[in-house]
C-alpha cells in the first residue's frame, strides 16, 4: 500500500503540489522532495498535518524512494535529468513515473535500466518524440500511454479562451497574445 512507500517528487510546482494534496489520505511512509528552489515553506503545511515530508538532494531522493514522480519543465538544465547514472542510484524495486515532459528521462537509458532490472518499472505519458514508437513498447515492466496532460476541462477551457481572445485581437487589428508560429 502507499502507506508503506517512500514517494520521491522531483520538482514541487503547481501539479506536484496538487499531488501532495492527493497523497494526504494515503499517508505515505515518507515524501522526499527535490527542487532547485527552497520549498521548505511550501511543505510546512503538510508537516503540520502529520506527513513525513522533507526536501532533499536529488541523489538522496533517488536512493531512498520506492516511487519517483517527475514534475519539472523541459529546459537545458532538465534535459536528460534522469540517465543511466541516476538509475544506478535508484532502488532495484523502484518505479519511475514521468508525466512532465519527454526528454527529461533519457529513453535509451530507461530501456537499459528496465531490461536489466536496475529498476523494477516505469510509467510514461511523455516522450522525446510523440507519438512514441520505440523499444520501450516491447518491455512488460512499463506502462506507456498517450500524452493526456492537457486533457482536462480546465486546461481545455483556458486553451479555448486564449484562442477566442486571439481571434478577437486579430479582427480588431491588435497584436496576438498566443500566436502559433508558421509551420515550415
N, C-alpha and C. Protein backbone atom coordinates (compact mmCIF):
# COMPACT_ATOMS: atom_id res chain seq x y z
N UNK A 1 0.84 -1.19 0.00
CA UNK A 1 0.00 0.00 0.00
C UNK A 1 0.88 1.24 0.00
N UNK A 2 0.31 2.37 -0.37
CA UNK A 2 1.06 3.62 -0.44
C UNK A 2 1.62 4.00 0.93
N UNK A 3 0.92 3.63 1.99
CA UNK A 3 1.39 3.99 3.33
C UNK A 3 2.72 3.31 3.68
N UNK A 4 3.12 2.31 2.91
CA UNK A 4 4.40 1.62 3.14
C UNK A 4 5.51 2.13 2.22
N UNK A 5 5.20 3.13 1.40
CA UNK A 5 6.16 3.57 0.38
C UNK A 5 6.80 4.91 0.71
N UNK A 6 8.01 5.07 0.22
CA UNK A 6 8.69 6.36 0.20
C UNK A 6 8.46 6.93 -1.19
N UNK A 7 7.81 8.07 -1.26
CA UNK A 7 7.48 8.69 -2.54
C UNK A 7 8.44 9.85 -2.78
N UNK A 8 9.10 9.84 -3.93
CA UNK A 8 10.00 10.92 -4.31
C UNK A 8 9.35 11.78 -5.37
N UNK A 9 9.35 13.09 -5.14
CA UNK A 9 8.76 14.04 -6.09
C UNK A 9 9.85 14.99 -6.56
N UNK A 10 10.12 14.96 -7.85
CA UNK A 10 11.14 15.82 -8.45
C UNK A 10 10.43 17.04 -9.02
N UNK A 11 10.65 18.19 -8.40
CA UNK A 11 10.01 19.43 -8.81
C UNK A 11 8.71 19.64 -8.05
N UNK A 12 8.64 20.70 -7.27
CA UNK A 12 7.43 20.97 -6.48
C UNK A 12 6.78 22.26 -6.96
N UNK A 13 6.13 22.16 -8.12
CA UNK A 13 5.37 23.27 -8.66
C UNK A 13 3.88 23.05 -8.43
N UNK A 14 3.07 23.61 -9.29
CA UNK A 14 1.61 23.55 -9.15
C UNK A 14 1.08 22.12 -9.20
N UNK A 15 1.51 21.34 -10.17
CA UNK A 15 0.98 19.98 -10.32
C UNK A 15 1.46 19.08 -9.19
N UNK A 16 2.74 19.15 -8.84
CA UNK A 16 3.26 18.33 -7.74
C UNK A 16 2.63 18.74 -6.42
N UNK A 17 2.32 20.00 -6.24
CA UNK A 17 1.64 20.44 -5.01
C UNK A 17 0.25 19.82 -4.93
N UNK A 18 -0.42 19.73 -6.06
CA UNK A 18 -1.72 19.06 -6.08
C UNK A 18 -1.57 17.57 -5.78
N UNK A 19 -0.52 16.96 -6.30
CA UNK A 19 -0.24 15.56 -5.99
C UNK A 19 -0.06 15.38 -4.49
N UNK A 20 0.68 16.28 -3.85
CA UNK A 20 0.85 16.21 -2.40
C UNK A 20 -0.49 16.22 -1.69
N UNK A 21 -1.37 17.10 -2.14
CA UNK A 21 -2.71 17.19 -1.57
C UNK A 21 -3.44 15.84 -1.71
N UNK A 22 -3.30 15.21 -2.87
CA UNK A 22 -3.96 13.92 -3.10
C UNK A 22 -3.35 12.79 -2.25
N UNK A 23 -2.08 12.92 -1.88
CA UNK A 23 -1.41 11.89 -1.11
C UNK A 23 -1.77 11.91 0.38
N UNK A 24 -2.33 13.02 0.87
CA UNK A 24 -2.62 13.16 2.30
C UNK A 24 -3.39 11.97 2.87
N UNK A 25 -4.52 11.56 2.28
CA UNK A 25 -5.26 10.46 2.90
C UNK A 25 -4.53 9.11 2.87
N UNK A 26 -3.55 8.96 1.98
CA UNK A 26 -2.81 7.71 1.87
C UNK A 26 -1.64 7.63 2.84
N UNK A 27 -1.22 8.78 3.37
CA UNK A 27 -0.16 8.87 4.37
C UNK A 27 1.06 8.00 4.04
N UNK A 28 1.79 8.34 2.96
CA UNK A 28 2.98 7.55 2.62
C UNK A 28 3.97 7.52 3.78
N UNK A 29 4.79 6.50 3.81
CA UNK A 29 5.82 6.36 4.83
C UNK A 29 6.65 7.64 4.90
N UNK A 30 7.07 8.15 3.73
CA UNK A 30 7.76 9.44 3.66
C UNK A 30 7.57 10.01 2.26
N UNK A 31 7.73 11.32 2.18
CA UNK A 31 7.72 12.01 0.89
C UNK A 31 9.00 12.83 0.83
N UNK A 32 9.78 12.59 -0.20
CA UNK A 32 11.02 13.31 -0.41
C UNK A 32 10.86 14.24 -1.60
N UNK A 33 11.22 15.49 -1.42
CA UNK A 33 11.09 16.50 -2.47
C UNK A 33 12.48 16.92 -2.90
N UNK A 34 12.70 16.98 -4.22
CA UNK A 34 13.93 17.55 -4.75
C UNK A 34 13.53 18.66 -5.71
N UNK A 35 14.03 19.84 -5.45
CA UNK A 35 13.71 21.01 -6.28
C UNK A 35 14.91 21.94 -6.22
N UNK A 36 15.13 22.69 -7.30
CA UNK A 36 16.25 23.64 -7.33
C UNK A 36 16.02 24.84 -6.42
N UNK A 37 14.79 25.03 -5.97
CA UNK A 37 14.46 26.14 -5.09
C UNK A 37 14.10 25.61 -3.70
N UNK A 38 14.30 26.43 -2.70
CA UNK A 38 13.95 26.05 -1.33
C UNK A 38 12.43 25.96 -1.21
N UNK A 39 11.92 24.78 -0.92
CA UNK A 39 10.48 24.54 -0.81
C UNK A 39 10.04 24.26 0.62
N UNK A 40 10.92 24.52 1.60
CA UNK A 40 10.58 24.22 2.98
C UNK A 40 9.34 24.97 3.47
N UNK A 41 9.16 26.22 3.05
CA UNK A 41 7.93 26.94 3.43
C UNK A 41 6.70 26.26 2.84
N UNK A 42 6.81 25.79 1.60
CA UNK A 42 5.68 25.15 0.93
C UNK A 42 5.27 23.83 1.58
N UNK A 43 6.24 23.11 2.15
CA UNK A 43 5.91 21.80 2.71
C UNK A 43 5.51 21.86 4.19
N UNK A 44 5.65 23.02 4.81
CA UNK A 44 5.30 23.14 6.23
C UNK A 44 3.85 22.76 6.51
N UNK A 45 2.93 23.13 5.62
CA UNK A 45 1.51 22.80 5.87
C UNK A 45 1.27 21.30 5.86
N UNK A 46 2.08 20.55 5.11
CA UNK A 46 1.94 19.10 5.08
C UNK A 46 2.56 18.47 6.33
N UNK A 47 3.66 19.05 6.77
CA UNK A 47 4.29 18.59 8.01
C UNK A 47 3.33 18.81 9.18
N UNK A 48 2.64 19.96 9.17
CA UNK A 48 1.69 20.25 10.26
C UNK A 48 0.49 19.30 10.23
N UNK A 49 0.25 18.65 9.11
CA UNK A 49 -0.84 17.65 9.02
C UNK A 49 -0.33 16.26 9.37
N UNK A 50 0.92 16.17 9.82
CA UNK A 50 1.47 14.89 10.25
C UNK A 50 2.18 14.09 9.18
N UNK A 51 2.36 14.67 8.01
CA UNK A 51 3.05 13.94 6.95
C UNK A 51 4.56 14.00 7.16
N UNK A 52 5.22 12.90 6.86
CA UNK A 52 6.68 12.82 6.93
C UNK A 52 7.22 13.28 5.58
N UNK A 53 7.52 14.56 5.47
CA UNK A 53 7.93 15.15 4.20
C UNK A 53 9.12 16.06 4.43
N UNK A 54 10.09 15.97 3.51
CA UNK A 54 11.24 16.85 3.62
C UNK A 54 11.89 17.04 2.26
N UNK A 55 12.58 18.16 2.13
CA UNK A 55 13.32 18.45 0.91
C UNK A 55 14.72 17.88 1.04
N UNK A 56 15.15 17.17 -0.01
CA UNK A 56 16.45 16.51 -0.01
C UNK A 56 17.14 16.74 -1.35
N UNK A 57 18.38 16.31 -1.44
CA UNK A 57 19.10 16.38 -2.72
C UNK A 57 18.52 15.34 -3.68
N UNK A 58 18.78 15.53 -4.94
CA UNK A 58 18.32 14.58 -5.95
C UNK A 58 18.89 13.19 -5.68
N UNK A 59 20.17 13.11 -5.33
CA UNK A 59 20.77 11.80 -5.07
C UNK A 59 20.11 11.10 -3.89
N UNK A 60 19.78 11.84 -2.84
CA UNK A 60 19.10 11.24 -1.69
C UNK A 60 17.71 10.77 -2.07
N UNK A 61 17.01 11.56 -2.87
CA UNK A 61 15.68 11.17 -3.33
C UNK A 61 15.76 9.87 -4.14
N UNK A 62 16.68 9.80 -5.08
CA UNK A 62 16.81 8.61 -5.93
C UNK A 62 17.14 7.37 -5.11
N UNK A 63 18.02 7.50 -4.14
CA UNK A 63 18.47 6.36 -3.35
C UNK A 63 17.43 5.85 -2.36
N UNK A 64 16.47 6.70 -1.97
CA UNK A 64 15.56 6.35 -0.89
C UNK A 64 14.09 6.27 -1.27
N UNK A 65 13.76 6.40 -2.54
CA UNK A 65 12.36 6.41 -2.95
C UNK A 65 11.96 5.09 -3.61
N UNK A 66 10.75 4.65 -3.27
CA UNK A 66 10.17 3.48 -3.94
C UNK A 66 9.48 3.88 -5.24
N UNK A 67 8.85 5.04 -5.21
CA UNK A 67 8.19 5.60 -6.39
C UNK A 67 8.74 7.00 -6.59
N UNK A 68 9.16 7.30 -7.81
CA UNK A 68 9.70 8.62 -8.14
C UNK A 68 8.84 9.20 -9.25
N UNK A 69 8.30 10.37 -9.00
CA UNK A 69 7.45 11.03 -9.99
C UNK A 69 8.06 12.38 -10.35
N UNK A 70 8.09 12.68 -11.63
CA UNK A 70 8.80 13.86 -12.14
C UNK A 70 7.81 14.94 -12.55
N UNK A 71 8.09 16.17 -12.08
CA UNK A 71 7.20 17.32 -12.35
C UNK A 71 8.02 18.58 -12.61
N UNK A 72 8.86 18.54 -13.61
CA UNK A 72 9.68 19.70 -13.96
C UNK A 72 9.48 20.03 -15.44
N UNK A 73 9.70 21.28 -15.82
CA UNK A 73 9.62 21.63 -17.24
C UNK A 73 10.86 21.14 -17.98
N UNK A 74 10.76 21.02 -19.28
CA UNK A 74 11.93 20.66 -20.09
C UNK A 74 12.71 21.92 -20.40
N UNK A 75 13.91 22.00 -19.86
CA UNK A 75 14.81 23.13 -20.10
C UNK A 75 16.20 22.57 -20.39
N UNK A 76 17.14 23.45 -20.65
CA UNK A 76 18.51 22.98 -20.89
C UNK A 76 19.09 22.30 -19.65
N UNK A 77 18.62 22.64 -18.46
CA UNK A 77 19.14 22.02 -17.24
C UNK A 77 18.40 20.74 -16.86
N UNK A 78 17.19 20.55 -17.38
CA UNK A 78 16.44 19.33 -17.04
C UNK A 78 16.45 18.29 -18.15
N UNK A 79 16.92 18.66 -19.34
CA UNK A 79 17.01 17.67 -20.42
C UNK A 79 18.00 16.58 -19.99
N UNK A 80 17.59 15.32 -20.13
CA UNK A 80 18.39 14.18 -19.68
C UNK A 80 18.74 14.27 -18.19
N UNK A 81 17.79 14.77 -17.41
CA UNK A 81 17.96 14.84 -15.96
C UNK A 81 18.12 13.44 -15.37
N UNK A 82 17.39 12.47 -15.94
CA UNK A 82 17.46 11.09 -15.48
C UNK A 82 18.10 10.25 -16.58
N UNK A 83 19.33 9.82 -16.31
CA UNK A 83 20.08 8.99 -17.26
C UNK A 83 20.52 7.71 -16.55
N UNK A 84 21.30 6.91 -17.22
CA UNK A 84 21.76 5.65 -16.63
C UNK A 84 22.45 5.89 -15.29
N UNK A 85 23.19 6.98 -15.19
CA UNK A 85 23.89 7.30 -13.94
C UNK A 85 22.91 7.44 -12.78
N UNK A 86 21.77 8.10 -13.01
CA UNK A 86 20.76 8.25 -11.96
C UNK A 86 20.06 6.92 -11.68
N UNK A 87 19.79 6.13 -12.70
CA UNK A 87 19.15 4.83 -12.49
C UNK A 87 20.00 3.95 -11.57
N UNK A 88 21.32 4.04 -11.69
CA UNK A 88 22.21 3.23 -10.85
C UNK A 88 22.05 3.58 -9.36
N UNK A 89 21.61 4.78 -9.06
CA UNK A 89 21.44 5.21 -7.66
C UNK A 89 20.08 4.81 -7.10
N UNK A 90 19.17 4.35 -7.95
CA UNK A 90 17.82 4.02 -7.51
C UNK A 90 17.76 2.61 -6.93
N UNK A 91 16.73 2.38 -6.14
CA UNK A 91 16.49 1.04 -5.59
C UNK A 91 16.07 0.12 -6.73
N UNK A 92 16.41 -1.16 -6.60
CA UNK A 92 16.04 -2.09 -7.67
C UNK A 92 14.53 -2.37 -7.71
N UNK A 93 13.81 -2.00 -6.65
CA UNK A 93 12.35 -2.17 -6.65
C UNK A 93 11.62 -0.86 -6.96
N UNK A 94 12.36 0.17 -7.36
CA UNK A 94 11.72 1.47 -7.57
C UNK A 94 10.99 1.54 -8.91
N UNK A 95 10.03 2.46 -8.92
CA UNK A 95 9.22 2.71 -10.11
C UNK A 95 9.34 4.19 -10.44
N UNK A 96 9.60 4.50 -11.70
CA UNK A 96 9.73 5.87 -12.17
C UNK A 96 8.48 6.26 -12.95
N UNK A 97 7.94 7.43 -12.63
CA UNK A 97 6.77 7.96 -13.35
C UNK A 97 7.16 9.31 -13.94
N UNK A 98 6.97 9.46 -15.25
CA UNK A 98 7.22 10.76 -15.89
C UNK A 98 5.98 11.17 -16.67
N UNK A 99 5.32 12.19 -16.17
CA UNK A 99 4.17 12.78 -16.87
C UNK A 99 4.44 14.25 -17.14
N UNK A 100 5.70 14.66 -17.03
CA UNK A 100 6.01 16.09 -17.21
C UNK A 100 6.33 16.41 -18.67
N UNK A 101 7.50 16.05 -19.12
CA UNK A 101 7.92 16.32 -20.49
C UNK A 101 8.86 15.22 -20.97
N UNK A 102 8.75 14.89 -22.26
CA UNK A 102 9.69 13.98 -22.87
C UNK A 102 11.05 14.64 -22.92
N UNK A 103 12.10 13.84 -22.88
CA UNK A 103 13.45 14.40 -22.92
C UNK A 103 14.06 14.58 -21.54
N UNK A 104 13.24 14.58 -20.51
CA UNK A 104 13.77 14.69 -19.14
C UNK A 104 14.38 13.35 -18.73
N UNK A 105 13.72 12.27 -19.12
CA UNK A 105 14.24 10.92 -18.89
C UNK A 105 14.84 10.43 -20.20
N UNK A 106 16.09 10.03 -20.16
CA UNK A 106 16.73 9.50 -21.35
C UNK A 106 16.13 8.13 -21.65
N UNK A 107 15.40 8.02 -22.76
CA UNK A 107 14.65 6.80 -23.07
C UNK A 107 15.54 5.59 -23.32
N UNK A 108 16.69 5.78 -23.94
CA UNK A 108 17.61 4.65 -24.17
C UNK A 108 18.13 4.11 -22.84
N UNK A 109 18.48 5.02 -21.94
CA UNK A 109 18.97 4.60 -20.62
C UNK A 109 17.85 3.97 -19.81
N UNK A 110 16.63 4.48 -19.93
CA UNK A 110 15.49 3.87 -19.24
C UNK A 110 15.28 2.44 -19.75
N UNK A 111 15.36 2.24 -21.05
CA UNK A 111 15.22 0.90 -21.61
C UNK A 111 16.25 -0.05 -20.98
N UNK A 112 17.50 0.38 -20.93
CA UNK A 112 18.55 -0.45 -20.34
C UNK A 112 18.26 -0.74 -18.87
N UNK A 113 17.86 0.28 -18.13
CA UNK A 113 17.57 0.11 -16.70
C UNK A 113 16.43 -0.86 -16.47
N UNK A 114 15.41 -0.81 -17.32
CA UNK A 114 14.28 -1.73 -17.17
C UNK A 114 14.62 -3.13 -17.65
N UNK A 115 15.33 -3.22 -18.76
CA UNK A 115 15.68 -4.52 -19.33
C UNK A 115 16.62 -5.31 -18.41
N UNK A 116 17.49 -4.60 -17.71
CA UNK A 116 18.46 -5.27 -16.83
C UNK A 116 18.01 -5.25 -15.37
N UNK A 117 16.78 -4.83 -15.12
CA UNK A 117 16.19 -4.82 -13.77
C UNK A 117 16.95 -3.96 -12.78
N UNK A 118 17.57 -2.88 -13.26
CA UNK A 118 18.17 -1.91 -12.34
C UNK A 118 17.05 -1.24 -11.54
N UNK A 119 15.91 -0.97 -12.20
CA UNK A 119 14.69 -0.54 -11.52
C UNK A 119 13.59 -1.52 -11.94
N UNK A 120 12.51 -1.55 -11.17
CA UNK A 120 11.51 -2.58 -11.46
C UNK A 120 10.45 -2.15 -12.46
N UNK A 121 10.20 -0.85 -12.61
CA UNK A 121 9.16 -0.46 -13.54
C UNK A 121 9.14 1.03 -13.80
N UNK A 122 8.31 1.40 -14.77
CA UNK A 122 8.16 2.81 -15.14
C UNK A 122 6.78 3.02 -15.76
N UNK A 123 6.36 4.27 -15.74
CA UNK A 123 5.12 4.68 -16.42
C UNK A 123 5.39 6.04 -17.05
N UNK A 124 5.08 6.15 -18.34
CA UNK A 124 5.32 7.39 -19.08
C UNK A 124 4.10 7.77 -19.89
N UNK A 125 3.85 9.06 -19.99
CA UNK A 125 2.88 9.52 -20.99
C UNK A 125 3.48 10.66 -21.80
N UNK A 126 4.79 10.85 -21.68
CA UNK A 126 5.51 11.86 -22.45
C UNK A 126 6.78 11.21 -23.01
N UNK A 127 7.17 11.65 -24.20
CA UNK A 127 8.28 11.01 -24.90
C UNK A 127 9.10 12.05 -25.63
N UNK A 128 10.34 11.67 -25.96
CA UNK A 128 11.20 12.56 -26.73
C UNK A 128 10.57 12.88 -28.08
N UNK A 129 9.93 11.88 -28.70
CA UNK A 129 9.23 12.07 -29.97
C UNK A 129 7.86 11.42 -29.83
N UNK A 130 6.83 12.21 -30.06
CA UNK A 130 5.46 11.71 -29.91
C UNK A 130 4.79 11.68 -31.28
N UNK A 131 3.97 10.69 -31.58
CA UNK A 131 3.64 9.56 -30.73
C UNK A 131 4.82 8.61 -30.61
N UNK A 132 4.90 7.91 -29.49
CA UNK A 132 6.03 7.04 -29.21
C UNK A 132 5.95 5.77 -30.04
N UNK A 133 7.09 5.41 -30.63
CA UNK A 133 7.20 4.18 -31.39
C UNK A 133 8.63 3.69 -31.25
N UNK A 134 8.94 3.14 -30.07
CA UNK A 134 10.31 2.71 -29.82
C UNK A 134 10.38 1.44 -29.01
N UNK A 135 11.58 1.06 -28.61
CA UNK A 135 11.81 -0.24 -27.96
C UNK A 135 11.16 -0.38 -26.57
N UNK A 136 10.85 0.72 -25.89
CA UNK A 136 10.19 0.60 -24.58
C UNK A 136 8.86 -0.16 -24.71
N UNK A 137 8.24 -0.06 -25.86
CA UNK A 137 6.95 -0.72 -26.08
C UNK A 137 7.07 -2.25 -26.06
N UNK A 138 8.29 -2.76 -26.15
CA UNK A 138 8.50 -4.21 -26.14
C UNK A 138 8.72 -4.78 -24.74
N UNK A 139 8.76 -3.91 -23.73
CA UNK A 139 9.01 -4.35 -22.36
C UNK A 139 7.69 -4.57 -21.63
N UNK A 140 7.69 -5.49 -20.67
CA UNK A 140 6.47 -5.75 -19.91
C UNK A 140 6.48 -5.09 -18.53
N UNK A 141 7.53 -4.33 -18.20
CA UNK A 141 7.58 -3.67 -16.90
C UNK A 141 7.48 -2.14 -17.03
N UNK A 142 6.72 -1.72 -18.04
CA UNK A 142 6.49 -0.29 -18.26
C UNK A 142 5.06 -0.08 -18.76
N UNK A 143 4.49 1.02 -18.34
CA UNK A 143 3.18 1.44 -18.85
C UNK A 143 3.41 2.67 -19.71
N UNK A 144 2.97 2.60 -20.96
CA UNK A 144 3.08 3.71 -21.90
C UNK A 144 1.69 4.17 -22.27
N UNK A 145 1.44 5.45 -22.11
CA UNK A 145 0.14 5.99 -22.52
C UNK A 145 0.37 7.27 -23.31
N UNK A 146 -0.67 7.70 -24.00
CA UNK A 146 -0.54 8.93 -24.79
C UNK A 146 -0.53 10.13 -23.86
N UNK A 147 0.09 11.20 -24.31
CA UNK A 147 0.23 12.42 -23.51
C UNK A 147 -1.14 13.08 -23.36
N UNK A 148 -1.72 12.94 -22.17
CA UNK A 148 -3.07 13.46 -21.93
C UNK A 148 -3.11 14.57 -20.90
N UNK A 149 -1.96 15.14 -20.55
CA UNK A 149 -1.92 16.16 -19.52
C UNK A 149 -2.82 17.35 -19.79
N UNK A 150 -3.01 17.69 -21.06
CA UNK A 150 -3.87 18.84 -21.38
C UNK A 150 -5.33 18.44 -21.52
N UNK A 151 -5.63 17.19 -21.29
CA UNK A 151 -6.99 16.70 -21.49
C UNK A 151 -7.82 16.84 -20.21
N UNK A 152 -7.84 18.05 -19.68
CA UNK A 152 -8.69 18.35 -18.53
C UNK A 152 -9.62 19.48 -18.93
N UNK A 153 -10.76 19.56 -18.29
CA UNK A 153 -11.71 20.60 -18.67
C UNK A 153 -11.13 21.99 -18.41
N UNK A 154 -10.40 22.16 -17.32
CA UNK A 154 -9.81 23.47 -17.03
C UNK A 154 -8.81 23.89 -18.07
N UNK A 155 -7.94 22.96 -18.48
CA UNK A 155 -6.94 23.26 -19.49
C UNK A 155 -7.59 23.54 -20.84
N UNK A 156 -8.56 22.71 -21.21
CA UNK A 156 -9.26 22.92 -22.48
C UNK A 156 -9.99 24.26 -22.49
N UNK A 157 -10.63 24.60 -21.39
CA UNK A 157 -11.34 25.89 -21.31
C UNK A 157 -10.37 27.05 -21.49
N UNK A 158 -9.18 26.97 -20.85
CA UNK A 158 -8.19 28.02 -20.99
C UNK A 158 -7.69 28.11 -22.43
N UNK A 159 -7.42 26.97 -23.07
CA UNK A 159 -6.97 26.98 -24.46
C UNK A 159 -8.02 27.61 -25.37
N UNK A 160 -9.30 27.25 -25.15
CA UNK A 160 -10.38 27.81 -25.97
C UNK A 160 -10.51 29.31 -25.73
N UNK A 161 -10.36 29.75 -24.48
CA UNK A 161 -10.47 31.18 -24.17
C UNK A 161 -9.33 31.95 -24.82
N UNK A 162 -8.11 31.40 -24.77
CA UNK A 162 -6.98 32.06 -25.39
C UNK A 162 -7.15 32.14 -26.91
N UNK A 163 -7.67 31.09 -27.53
CA UNK A 163 -7.91 31.11 -28.97
C UNK A 163 -8.96 32.16 -29.32
N UNK A 164 -10.04 32.19 -28.54
CA UNK A 164 -11.09 33.18 -28.78
C UNK A 164 -10.56 34.60 -28.61
N UNK A 165 -9.77 34.82 -27.56
CA UNK A 165 -9.18 36.15 -27.34
C UNK A 165 -8.34 36.57 -28.54
N UNK A 166 -7.52 35.64 -29.08
CA UNK A 166 -6.68 35.99 -30.22
C UNK A 166 -7.50 36.21 -31.49
N UNK A 167 -8.60 35.51 -31.65
CA UNK A 167 -9.48 35.77 -32.81
C UNK A 167 -10.00 37.20 -32.72
N UNK A 168 -10.43 37.60 -31.54
CA UNK A 168 -10.92 38.97 -31.35
C UNK A 168 -9.80 39.99 -31.57
N UNK A 169 -8.59 39.71 -31.06
CA UNK A 169 -7.46 40.60 -31.28
C UNK A 169 -7.18 40.74 -32.78
N UNK A 170 -7.23 39.62 -33.51
CA UNK A 170 -6.96 39.63 -34.94
C UNK A 170 -7.96 40.54 -35.67
N UNK A 171 -9.25 40.35 -35.40
CA UNK A 171 -10.27 41.14 -36.09
C UNK A 171 -10.25 42.61 -35.69
N UNK A 172 -9.71 42.91 -34.54
CA UNK A 172 -9.58 44.31 -34.10
C UNK A 172 -8.27 44.93 -34.58
N UNK A 173 -7.43 44.13 -35.24
CA UNK A 173 -6.14 44.62 -35.71
C UNK A 173 -5.13 44.77 -34.60
N UNK A 174 -5.34 44.06 -33.50
CA UNK A 174 -4.44 44.14 -32.35
C UNK A 174 -3.39 43.03 -32.42
N UNK A 175 -2.34 43.19 -31.60
CA UNK A 175 -1.29 42.18 -31.54
C UNK A 175 -1.85 40.91 -30.91
N UNK A 176 -1.48 39.75 -31.49
CA UNK A 176 -1.92 38.47 -30.95
C UNK A 176 -1.10 38.12 -29.71
N UNK A 177 -1.76 37.56 -28.70
CA UNK A 177 -1.06 37.19 -27.47
C UNK A 177 -0.51 35.77 -27.52
N UNK A 178 -1.12 34.89 -28.29
CA UNK A 178 -0.74 33.47 -28.32
C UNK A 178 -0.58 32.99 -29.75
N UNK A 179 0.18 33.73 -30.53
CA UNK A 179 0.34 33.40 -31.94
C UNK A 179 1.08 32.08 -32.12
N UNK A 180 0.56 31.23 -32.99
CA UNK A 180 1.19 29.96 -33.32
C UNK A 180 2.15 30.21 -34.48
N UNK A 181 3.41 29.80 -34.35
CA UNK A 181 4.37 30.03 -35.43
C UNK A 181 3.99 29.25 -36.69
N UNK A 182 4.39 29.80 -37.83
CA UNK A 182 4.11 29.13 -39.11
C UNK A 182 4.85 27.82 -39.16
N UNK A 183 4.20 26.83 -39.76
CA UNK A 183 4.83 25.52 -39.95
C UNK A 183 5.63 25.57 -41.23
N UNK A 184 6.86 25.14 -41.18
CA UNK A 184 7.69 25.13 -42.39
C UNK A 184 7.88 23.75 -42.91
